[in-house]
Amino acid sequence: GFAIMVFISFSLIRPDAVAGTVQLDAEYIITVSWPDGNPDDIDTYVQDPSGNIVWYRNLEAGFLSLDRDDRGNYRDTLVVNGVRIENPLNQEIVTIRGIVPGEYVVNVEHYVANGVDPVPVTVTVQRINPQAEIVYYGTVDLDHRGDEKTAIRFTLDADGNPSNLNDRFIS
């Protein structure tokens, strides 16, 4: 009986749940954002030196991961304390979780245009390890549906150091 009670006691022991804990194993974070509340859908495409590409139909490839795909104001609501609120934030996030030496390409595309005005799209490339630093911060204007631009191309060496930053277009 004692052995059964010990077994039952150990089976009821659970580790404490840690809600909201996110492990961020990343070398770089690429953030693409456009004006809050804008209804347009801007898409992000990131290619690594091995030819892997992440985008909304391929969320992970190699060490790349599209962690947040935003579709403008489509289905952009949150429920907070039982109240439905609209989330005005327009932002896509790609992480580079390991270093592959070579050229990386970050493209943005005006996938769905609900308005007629050009949309300013801001791209930030931030190195996380060994310390946080902004490698690139810039804005490109997308002015019609299907408009695709290379926001930034950069090369990483084996230690993850960036060089050769440029915006020469490649689809």
N, C-alpha and C. Protein backbone atom coordinates (compact mmCIF):
# COMPACT_ATOMS: atom_id res chain seq x y z
N GLY A 1 0.80 -1.19 0.00
CA GLY A 1 0.00 0.00 0.00
C GLY A 1 0.85 1.27 0.00
N PHE A 2 1.98 1.21 0.78
CA PHE A 2 2.86 2.37 0.84
C PHE A 2 3.46 2.65 -0.53
N ALA A 3 3.87 1.62 -1.24
CA ALA A 3 4.46 1.79 -2.56
C ALA A 3 3.46 2.42 -3.53
N ILE A 4 2.19 1.98 -3.44
CA ILE A 4 1.15 2.55 -4.31
C ILE A 4 0.93 4.02 -3.99
N MET A 5 0.92 4.37 -2.70
CA MET A 5 0.73 5.78 -2.31
C MET A 5 1.90 6.65 -2.79
N VAL A 6 3.13 6.13 -2.73
CA VAL A 6 4.30 6.88 -3.21
C VAL A 6 4.19 7.07 -4.72
N PHE A 7 3.80 6.03 -5.44
CA PHE A 7 3.63 6.12 -6.88
C PHE A 7 2.58 7.17 -7.24
N ILE A 8 1.42 7.13 -6.55
CA ILE A 8 0.35 8.10 -6.82
C ILE A 8 0.84 9.51 -6.50
N SER A 9 1.58 9.68 -5.41
CA SER A 9 2.08 11.01 -5.03
C SER A 9 2.99 11.59 -6.11
N PHE A 10 3.92 10.76 -6.62
CA PHE A 10 4.83 11.24 -7.65
C PHE A 10 4.12 11.50 -8.97
N SER A 11 3.08 10.74 -9.26
CA SER A 11 2.37 10.96 -10.52
C SER A 11 1.54 12.25 -10.49
N LEU A 12 1.22 12.74 -9.29
CA LEU A 12 0.44 13.98 -9.18
C LEU A 12 1.31 15.23 -9.13
N ILE A 13 2.61 15.05 -9.02
CA ILE A 13 3.51 16.20 -8.99
C ILE A 13 3.67 16.72 -10.42
N ARG A 14 3.38 18.02 -10.61
CA ARG A 14 3.52 18.66 -11.92
C ARG A 14 4.46 19.84 -11.79
N PRO A 15 5.26 20.09 -12.82
CA PRO A 15 6.07 21.31 -12.77
C PRO A 15 5.17 22.54 -12.87
N ASP A 16 5.63 23.63 -12.29
CA ASP A 16 4.87 24.87 -12.35
C ASP A 16 4.76 25.35 -13.79
N ALA A 17 3.56 25.71 -14.20
CA ALA A 17 3.35 26.26 -15.54
C ALA A 17 3.87 27.69 -15.57
N VAL A 18 4.66 27.99 -16.55
CA VAL A 18 5.19 29.34 -16.71
C VAL A 18 4.53 29.93 -17.95
N ALA A 19 3.50 30.71 -17.74
CA ALA A 19 2.74 31.29 -18.85
C ALA A 19 3.50 32.47 -19.45
N GLY A 20 3.48 32.54 -20.78
CA GLY A 20 4.05 33.68 -21.47
C GLY A 20 5.56 33.63 -21.63
N THR A 21 6.19 32.53 -21.28
CA THR A 21 7.63 32.43 -21.42
C THR A 21 7.96 32.08 -22.87
N VAL A 22 8.81 32.88 -23.46
CA VAL A 22 9.23 32.66 -24.84
C VAL A 22 10.74 32.55 -24.86
N GLN A 23 11.23 31.45 -25.42
CA GLN A 23 12.66 31.32 -25.59
C GLN A 23 13.02 31.91 -26.95
N LEU A 24 13.88 32.89 -26.91
CA LEU A 24 14.27 33.55 -28.15
C LEU A 24 15.68 33.12 -28.51
N ASP A 25 15.77 32.04 -29.28
CA ASP A 25 17.05 31.59 -29.80
C ASP A 25 17.20 32.16 -31.19
N ALA A 26 17.80 33.32 -31.27
CA ALA A 26 17.93 33.97 -32.57
C ALA A 26 19.25 34.71 -32.62
N GLU A 27 19.79 34.79 -33.81
CA GLU A 27 20.98 35.59 -34.05
C GLU A 27 20.59 36.97 -34.57
N TYR A 28 19.57 36.99 -35.43
CA TYR A 28 19.07 38.24 -36.02
C TYR A 28 17.54 38.22 -35.99
N ILE A 29 16.96 39.41 -35.87
CA ILE A 29 15.51 39.60 -36.00
C ILE A 29 15.29 40.64 -37.08
N ILE A 30 14.45 40.30 -38.05
CA ILE A 30 14.09 41.21 -39.13
C ILE A 30 12.63 41.59 -38.92
N THR A 31 12.38 42.89 -38.77
CA THR A 31 11.04 43.39 -38.52
C THR A 31 10.61 44.26 -39.70
N VAL A 32 9.43 43.95 -40.24
CA VAL A 32 8.85 44.73 -41.34
C VAL A 32 7.55 45.31 -40.80
N SER A 33 7.41 46.63 -40.89
CA SER A 33 6.19 47.26 -40.37
C SER A 33 5.72 48.34 -41.33
N TRP A 34 4.42 48.63 -41.26
CA TRP A 34 3.82 49.69 -42.05
C TRP A 34 2.80 50.37 -41.18
N PRO A 35 2.26 51.53 -41.56
CA PRO A 35 1.45 52.35 -40.66
C PRO A 35 0.33 51.57 -39.96
N ASP A 36 0.20 51.84 -38.67
CA ASP A 36 -0.86 51.22 -37.86
C ASP A 36 -2.22 51.49 -38.48
N GLY A 37 -3.07 50.48 -38.47
CA GLY A 37 -4.43 50.63 -38.98
C GLY A 37 -4.55 50.57 -40.48
N ASN A 38 -3.43 50.51 -41.20
CA ASN A 38 -3.48 50.44 -42.66
C ASN A 38 -4.07 49.09 -43.07
N PRO A 39 -5.06 49.08 -43.96
CA PRO A 39 -5.73 47.82 -44.31
C PRO A 39 -4.96 46.94 -45.29
N ASP A 40 -3.87 47.45 -45.87
CA ASP A 40 -3.15 46.69 -46.90
C ASP A 40 -2.34 45.54 -46.30
N ASP A 41 -2.13 44.51 -47.11
CA ASP A 41 -1.34 43.35 -46.73
C ASP A 41 0.02 43.46 -47.40
N ILE A 42 1.05 43.60 -46.58
CA ILE A 42 2.42 43.64 -47.06
C ILE A 42 3.07 42.30 -46.69
N ASP A 43 3.75 41.69 -47.64
CA ASP A 43 4.39 40.41 -47.37
C ASP A 43 5.90 40.55 -47.36
N THR A 44 6.52 39.69 -46.56
CA THR A 44 7.97 39.68 -46.39
C THR A 44 8.52 38.37 -46.94
N TYR A 45 9.62 38.48 -47.67
CA TYR A 45 10.33 37.31 -48.20
C TYR A 45 11.79 37.46 -47.79
N VAL A 46 12.34 36.45 -47.12
CA VAL A 46 13.75 36.49 -46.74
C VAL A 46 14.40 35.23 -47.28
N GLN A 47 15.52 35.43 -48.00
CA GLN A 47 16.28 34.32 -48.57
C GLN A 47 17.65 34.25 -47.91
N ASP A 48 18.08 33.03 -47.57
CA ASP A 48 19.41 32.85 -46.99
C ASP A 48 20.41 32.43 -48.07
N PRO A 49 21.69 32.31 -47.74
CA PRO A 49 22.70 31.96 -48.75
C PRO A 49 22.51 30.58 -49.39
N SER A 50 21.78 29.69 -48.71
CA SER A 50 21.54 28.34 -49.24
C SER A 50 20.36 28.31 -50.21
N GLY A 51 19.69 29.45 -50.38
CA GLY A 51 18.53 29.51 -51.26
C GLY A 51 17.21 29.25 -50.55
N ASN A 52 17.23 29.02 -49.23
CA ASN A 52 15.99 28.86 -48.47
C ASN A 52 15.26 30.19 -48.41
N ILE A 53 13.94 30.14 -48.58
CA ILE A 53 13.12 31.36 -48.54
C ILE A 53 11.97 31.14 -47.57
N VAL A 54 11.78 32.11 -46.65
CA VAL A 54 10.58 32.10 -45.80
C VAL A 54 9.64 33.17 -46.30
N TRP A 55 8.35 32.85 -46.27
CA TRP A 55 7.28 33.75 -46.65
C TRP A 55 6.00 33.14 -46.09
N TYR A 56 4.85 33.74 -46.38
CA TYR A 56 3.62 33.31 -45.71
C TYR A 56 3.21 31.88 -46.04
N ARG A 57 3.68 31.29 -47.12
CA ARG A 57 3.36 29.90 -47.43
C ARG A 57 4.46 28.92 -47.01
N ASN A 58 5.57 29.44 -46.54
CA ASN A 58 6.68 28.61 -46.08
C ASN A 58 7.27 29.28 -44.84
N LEU A 59 6.73 28.96 -43.68
CA LEU A 59 7.05 29.68 -42.45
C LEU A 59 8.44 29.37 -41.89
N GLU A 60 9.01 28.22 -42.25
CA GLU A 60 10.34 27.87 -41.78
C GLU A 60 11.15 27.26 -42.91
N ALA A 61 12.40 27.66 -43.00
CA ALA A 61 13.31 27.10 -44.00
C ALA A 61 14.73 27.32 -43.52
N GLY A 62 15.50 26.24 -43.42
CA GLY A 62 16.85 26.36 -42.89
C GLY A 62 16.81 26.95 -41.49
N PHE A 63 17.60 27.98 -41.25
CA PHE A 63 17.60 28.67 -39.96
C PHE A 63 16.66 29.87 -39.94
N LEU A 64 15.86 30.05 -41.00
CA LEU A 64 14.92 31.17 -41.08
C LEU A 64 13.55 30.77 -40.57
N SER A 65 12.87 31.71 -39.93
CA SER A 65 11.53 31.45 -39.44
C SER A 65 10.69 32.73 -39.53
N LEU A 66 9.53 32.63 -40.21
CA LEU A 66 8.58 33.74 -40.21
C LEU A 66 7.72 33.57 -38.98
N ASP A 67 8.02 34.36 -37.94
CA ASP A 67 7.34 34.20 -36.65
C ASP A 67 6.01 34.93 -36.59
N ARG A 68 5.84 35.97 -37.39
CA ARG A 68 4.57 36.69 -37.40
C ARG A 68 4.27 37.15 -38.82
N ASP A 69 3.13 36.69 -39.34
CA ASP A 69 2.64 37.13 -40.65
C ASP A 69 1.43 38.01 -40.41
N ASP A 70 1.45 39.22 -40.90
CA ASP A 70 0.36 40.17 -40.69
C ASP A 70 -0.34 40.41 -42.01
N ARG A 71 -1.67 40.50 -41.96
CA ARG A 71 -2.45 40.67 -43.19
C ARG A 71 -3.20 42.00 -43.19
N GLY A 72 -2.56 43.03 -42.68
CA GLY A 72 -3.24 44.33 -42.62
C GLY A 72 -4.29 44.29 -41.54
N ASN A 73 -5.50 44.75 -41.85
CA ASN A 73 -6.55 44.72 -40.83
C ASN A 73 -7.44 43.49 -40.92
N TYR A 74 -7.11 42.53 -41.78
CA TYR A 74 -7.90 41.31 -41.92
C TYR A 74 -7.73 40.43 -40.68
N ARG A 75 -8.84 40.13 -40.02
CA ARG A 75 -8.86 39.29 -38.82
C ARG A 75 -7.87 39.79 -37.78
N ASP A 76 -7.82 41.09 -37.60
CA ASP A 76 -6.85 41.72 -36.70
C ASP A 76 -7.52 42.16 -35.40
N THR A 77 -8.16 41.23 -34.72
CA THR A 77 -8.80 41.55 -33.45
C THR A 77 -8.24 40.63 -32.37
N LEU A 78 -8.28 41.15 -31.15
CA LEU A 78 -7.84 40.42 -29.96
C LEU A 78 -8.98 40.43 -28.95
N VAL A 79 -9.03 39.42 -28.10
CA VAL A 79 -9.99 39.41 -27.01
C VAL A 79 -9.19 39.60 -25.73
N VAL A 80 -9.46 40.73 -25.04
CA VAL A 80 -8.78 41.06 -23.80
C VAL A 80 -9.84 41.21 -22.72
N ASN A 81 -9.75 40.37 -21.71
CA ASN A 81 -10.73 40.37 -20.61
C ASN A 81 -12.15 40.30 -21.14
N GLY A 82 -12.37 39.46 -22.14
CA GLY A 82 -13.70 39.25 -22.69
C GLY A 82 -14.17 40.32 -23.65
N VAL A 83 -13.35 41.34 -23.91
CA VAL A 83 -13.72 42.43 -24.81
C VAL A 83 -12.91 42.31 -26.10
N ARG A 84 -13.59 42.33 -27.23
CA ARG A 84 -12.92 42.25 -28.52
C ARG A 84 -12.44 43.64 -28.92
N ILE A 85 -11.13 43.75 -29.17
CA ILE A 85 -10.55 45.03 -29.59
C ILE A 85 -9.78 44.83 -30.88
N GLU A 86 -9.68 45.89 -31.66
CA GLU A 86 -8.93 45.83 -32.92
C GLU A 86 -7.46 46.10 -32.63
N ASN A 87 -6.60 45.26 -33.21
CA ASN A 87 -5.16 45.44 -33.09
C ASN A 87 -4.68 46.26 -34.29
N PRO A 88 -4.25 47.49 -34.08
CA PRO A 88 -3.86 48.33 -35.22
C PRO A 88 -2.45 48.04 -35.74
N LEU A 89 -1.65 47.27 -35.00
CA LEU A 89 -0.26 47.04 -35.35
C LEU A 89 -0.13 46.23 -36.64
N ASN A 90 0.66 46.72 -37.57
CA ASN A 90 0.98 46.01 -38.82
C ASN A 90 2.47 45.69 -38.79
N GLN A 91 2.78 44.41 -38.59
CA GLN A 91 4.18 44.04 -38.41
C GLN A 91 4.39 42.56 -38.74
N GLU A 92 5.45 42.28 -39.48
CA GLU A 92 5.87 40.90 -39.73
C GLU A 92 7.27 40.74 -39.14
N ILE A 93 7.54 39.54 -38.61
CA ILE A 93 8.82 39.29 -37.94
C ILE A 93 9.43 38.00 -38.47
N VAL A 94 10.70 38.09 -38.87
CA VAL A 94 11.47 36.93 -39.31
C VAL A 94 12.68 36.82 -38.39
N THR A 95 12.98 35.60 -37.94
CA THR A 95 14.18 35.39 -37.15
C THR A 95 15.16 34.52 -37.93
N ILE A 96 16.43 34.84 -37.74
CA ILE A 96 17.52 34.01 -38.24
C ILE A 96 18.09 33.33 -37.01
N ARG A 97 17.91 32.01 -36.91
CA ARG A 97 18.24 31.27 -35.69
C ARG A 97 19.64 30.66 -35.70
N GLY A 98 20.33 30.78 -36.79
CA GLY A 98 21.69 30.28 -36.89
C GLY A 98 22.39 31.00 -38.04
N ILE A 99 23.70 30.98 -38.02
CA ILE A 99 24.46 31.71 -39.03
C ILE A 99 24.90 30.78 -40.16
N VAL A 100 24.50 31.12 -41.36
CA VAL A 100 25.03 30.51 -42.58
C VAL A 100 25.75 31.63 -43.30
N PRO A 101 27.07 31.53 -43.45
CA PRO A 101 27.80 32.61 -44.11
C PRO A 101 27.32 32.81 -45.55
N GLY A 102 27.23 34.07 -45.96
CA GLY A 102 26.80 34.41 -47.30
C GLY A 102 25.78 35.52 -47.31
N GLU A 103 25.13 35.70 -48.47
CA GLU A 103 24.21 36.83 -48.65
C GLU A 103 22.78 36.48 -48.27
N TYR A 104 22.15 37.41 -47.56
CA TYR A 104 20.73 37.34 -47.19
C TYR A 104 20.01 38.45 -47.94
N VAL A 105 18.79 38.16 -48.39
CA VAL A 105 17.99 39.14 -49.13
C VAL A 105 16.65 39.29 -48.43
N VAL A 106 16.25 40.55 -48.19
CA VAL A 106 14.96 40.85 -47.57
C VAL A 106 14.14 41.64 -48.58
N ASN A 107 13.05 41.02 -49.06
CA ASN A 107 12.15 41.69 -50.00
C ASN A 107 10.80 41.91 -49.33
N VAL A 108 10.12 42.96 -49.78
CA VAL A 108 8.75 43.24 -49.34
C VAL A 108 7.88 43.39 -50.58
N GLU A 109 6.63 42.96 -50.46
CA GLU A 109 5.70 43.02 -51.58
C GLU A 109 4.35 43.55 -51.11
N HIS A 110 3.77 44.41 -51.92
CA HIS A 110 2.42 44.93 -51.67
C HIS A 110 1.43 43.88 -52.18
N TYR A 111 1.09 42.94 -51.31
CA TYR A 111 0.31 41.78 -51.73
C TYR A 111 -1.16 42.12 -51.99
N VAL A 112 -1.80 42.83 -51.06
CA VAL A 112 -3.19 43.26 -51.25
C VAL A 112 -3.25 44.76 -51.00
N ALA A 113 -3.73 45.50 -51.99
CA ALA A 113 -3.86 46.96 -51.86
C ALA A 113 -5.33 47.30 -51.70
N ASN A 114 -5.69 47.74 -50.51
CA ASN A 114 -7.07 48.18 -50.25
C ASN A 114 -7.22 49.68 -50.43
N GLY A 115 -6.11 50.38 -50.48
CA GLY A 115 -6.15 51.82 -50.66
C GLY A 115 -5.45 52.20 -51.95
N VAL A 116 -5.37 53.51 -52.21
CA VAL A 116 -4.74 53.99 -53.44
C VAL A 116 -3.41 54.69 -53.18
N ASP A 117 -3.13 55.00 -51.93
CA ASP A 117 -1.90 55.72 -51.59
C ASP A 117 -0.73 54.75 -51.44
N PRO A 118 0.48 55.21 -51.76
CA PRO A 118 1.66 54.38 -51.50
C PRO A 118 1.78 54.07 -50.01
N VAL A 119 2.33 52.91 -49.70
CA VAL A 119 2.49 52.49 -48.30
C VAL A 119 3.97 52.50 -47.95
N PRO A 120 4.36 53.33 -46.95
CA PRO A 120 5.74 53.31 -46.50
C PRO A 120 5.98 52.08 -45.61
N VAL A 121 6.95 51.26 -45.99
CA VAL A 121 7.25 50.04 -45.26
C VAL A 121 8.64 50.18 -44.64
N THR A 122 8.70 50.02 -43.33
CA THR A 122 9.96 50.15 -42.61
C THR A 122 10.53 48.77 -42.32
N VAL A 123 11.81 48.60 -42.61
CA VAL A 123 12.49 47.33 -42.38
C VAL A 123 13.64 47.58 -41.41
N THR A 124 13.69 46.74 -40.38
CA THR A 124 14.77 46.80 -39.39
C THR A 124 15.44 45.44 -39.33
N VAL A 125 16.75 45.43 -39.42
CA VAL A 125 17.53 44.21 -39.22
C VAL A 125 18.33 44.42 -37.94
N GLN A 126 18.07 43.58 -36.96
CA GLN A 126 18.71 43.74 -35.65
C GLN A 126 19.49 42.49 -35.29
N ARG A 127 20.75 42.69 -34.96
CA ARG A 127 21.57 41.58 -34.48
C ARG A 127 21.30 41.41 -32.99
N ILE A 128 21.12 40.17 -32.55
CA ILE A 128 20.78 39.91 -31.15
C ILE A 128 22.00 39.45 -30.35
N ASN A 129 22.84 38.60 -30.95
CA ASN A 129 23.99 38.05 -30.24
C ASN A 129 25.29 38.56 -30.85
N PRO A 130 26.29 38.93 -30.11
CA PRO A 130 26.41 38.80 -28.66
C PRO A 130 25.70 39.91 -27.89
N GLN A 131 25.31 40.99 -28.58
CA GLN A 131 24.53 42.06 -27.95
C GLN A 131 23.64 42.67 -29.01
N ALA A 132 22.56 43.30 -28.58
CA ALA A 132 21.61 43.88 -29.53
C ALA A 132 22.20 45.10 -30.22
N GLU A 133 22.10 45.12 -31.54
CA GLU A 133 22.52 46.29 -32.31
C GLU A 133 21.71 46.34 -33.60
N ILE A 134 21.39 47.54 -34.03
CA ILE A 134 20.67 47.75 -35.28
C ILE A 134 21.68 47.71 -36.43
N VAL A 135 21.49 46.77 -37.35
CA VAL A 135 22.36 46.63 -38.50
C VAL A 135 21.84 47.46 -39.67
N TYR A 136 20.50 47.51 -39.79
CA TYR A 136 19.89 48.26 -40.88
C TYR A 136 18.53 48.77 -40.41
N TYR A 137 18.21 50.00 -40.81
CA TYR A 137 16.90 50.60 -40.57
C TYR A 137 16.60 51.48 -41.77
N GLY A 138 15.53 51.18 -42.49
CA GLY A 138 15.20 51.98 -43.67
C GLY A 138 13.76 51.80 -44.08
N THR A 139 13.31 52.65 -45.00
CA THR A 139 11.93 52.64 -45.46
C THR A 139 11.89 52.58 -46.98
N VAL A 140 10.98 51.76 -47.50
CA VAL A 140 10.71 51.72 -48.94
C VAL A 140 9.22 51.99 -49.14
N ASP A 141 8.88 52.61 -50.25
CA ASP A 141 7.48 52.88 -50.56
C ASP A 141 6.98 51.86 -51.58
N LEU A 142 5.86 51.22 -51.25
CA LEU A 142 5.21 50.30 -52.18
C LEU A 142 3.94 50.99 -52.66
N ASP A 143 3.82 51.17 -54.00
CA ASP A 143 2.73 52.03 -54.47
C ASP A 143 1.60 51.34 -55.23
N HIS A 144 1.66 50.03 -55.40
CA HIS A 144 0.55 49.36 -56.07
C HIS A 144 0.59 47.86 -55.75
N ARG A 145 -0.51 47.21 -55.96
CA ARG A 145 -0.59 45.77 -55.74
C ARG A 145 0.45 45.07 -56.61
N GLY A 146 1.20 44.15 -56.00
CA GLY A 146 2.22 43.42 -56.73
C GLY A 146 3.58 44.09 -56.74
N ASP A 147 3.67 45.32 -56.24
CA ASP A 147 4.95 46.03 -56.19
C ASP A 147 5.88 45.32 -55.21
N GLU A 148 7.01 44.85 -55.71
CA GLU A 148 7.99 44.14 -54.89
C GLU A 148 9.31 44.89 -54.94
N LYS A 149 9.93 45.07 -53.77
CA LYS A 149 11.22 45.76 -53.70
C LYS A 149 12.15 45.02 -52.76
N THR A 150 13.43 45.10 -53.08
CA THR A 150 14.45 44.60 -52.17
C THR A 150 14.74 45.71 -51.18
N ALA A 151 14.42 45.45 -49.91
CA ALA A 151 14.67 46.45 -48.87
C ALA A 151 16.14 46.47 -48.49
N ILE A 152 16.73 45.27 -48.34
CA ILE A 152 18.13 45.20 -47.95
C ILE A 152 18.69 43.84 -48.34
N ARG A 153 19.94 43.87 -48.76
CA ARG A 153 20.75 42.67 -48.97
C ARG A 153 21.98 42.86 -48.10
N PHE A 154 22.40 41.81 -47.42
CA PHE A 154 23.58 41.91 -46.58
C PHE A 154 24.27 40.55 -46.53
N THR A 155 25.57 40.59 -46.24
CA THR A 155 26.38 39.38 -46.17
C THR A 155 26.81 39.16 -44.73
N LEU A 156 26.72 37.90 -44.27
CA LEU A 156 27.22 37.54 -42.95
C LEU A 156 28.44 36.65 -43.11
N ASP A 157 29.46 36.92 -42.28
CA ASP A 157 30.62 36.02 -42.28
C ASP A 157 30.35 34.88 -41.29
N ALA A 158 31.32 33.99 -41.10
CA ALA A 158 31.13 32.82 -40.24
C ALA A 158 30.83 33.20 -38.79
N ASP A 159 31.25 34.40 -38.36
CA ASP A 159 30.99 34.85 -37.00
C ASP A 159 29.70 35.65 -36.89
N GLY A 160 28.99 35.81 -38.00
CA GLY A 160 27.73 36.56 -37.99
C GLY A 160 27.89 38.05 -38.15
N ASN A 161 29.07 38.50 -38.56
CA ASN A 161 29.31 39.93 -38.75
C ASN A 161 28.78 40.35 -40.12
N PRO A 162 27.98 41.43 -40.17
CA PRO A 162 27.39 41.87 -41.43
C PRO A 162 28.32 42.77 -42.24
N SER A 163 28.15 42.70 -43.57
CA SER A 163 28.88 43.58 -44.48
C SER A 163 28.10 43.65 -45.78
N ASN A 164 28.59 44.45 -46.72
CA ASN A 164 28.02 44.56 -48.07
C ASN A 164 26.52 44.87 -48.08
N LEU A 165 26.10 45.82 -47.27
CA LEU A 165 24.69 46.21 -47.25
C LEU A 165 24.35 46.98 -48.51
N ASN A 166 23.29 46.56 -49.21
CA ASN A 166 22.84 47.26 -50.40
C ASN A 166 21.38 46.92 -50.65
N ASP A 167 20.74 47.63 -51.58
CA ASP A 167 19.34 47.37 -51.89
C ASP A 167 19.15 47.06 -53.39
N ARG A 168 20.17 46.49 -54.01
CA ARG A 168 20.08 46.10 -55.41
C ARG A 168 18.95 45.08 -55.55
N PHE A 169 18.02 45.31 -56.45
CA PHE A 169 16.82 44.48 -56.57
C PHE A 169 17.12 43.08 -57.07
N ILE A 170 16.49 42.11 -56.45
CA ILE A 170 16.45 40.73 -56.91
C ILE A 170 15.10 40.18 -56.48
N SER A 171 14.40 39.55 -57.40
CA SER A 171 13.06 39.03 -57.10
C SER A 171 13.18 37.72 -56.37
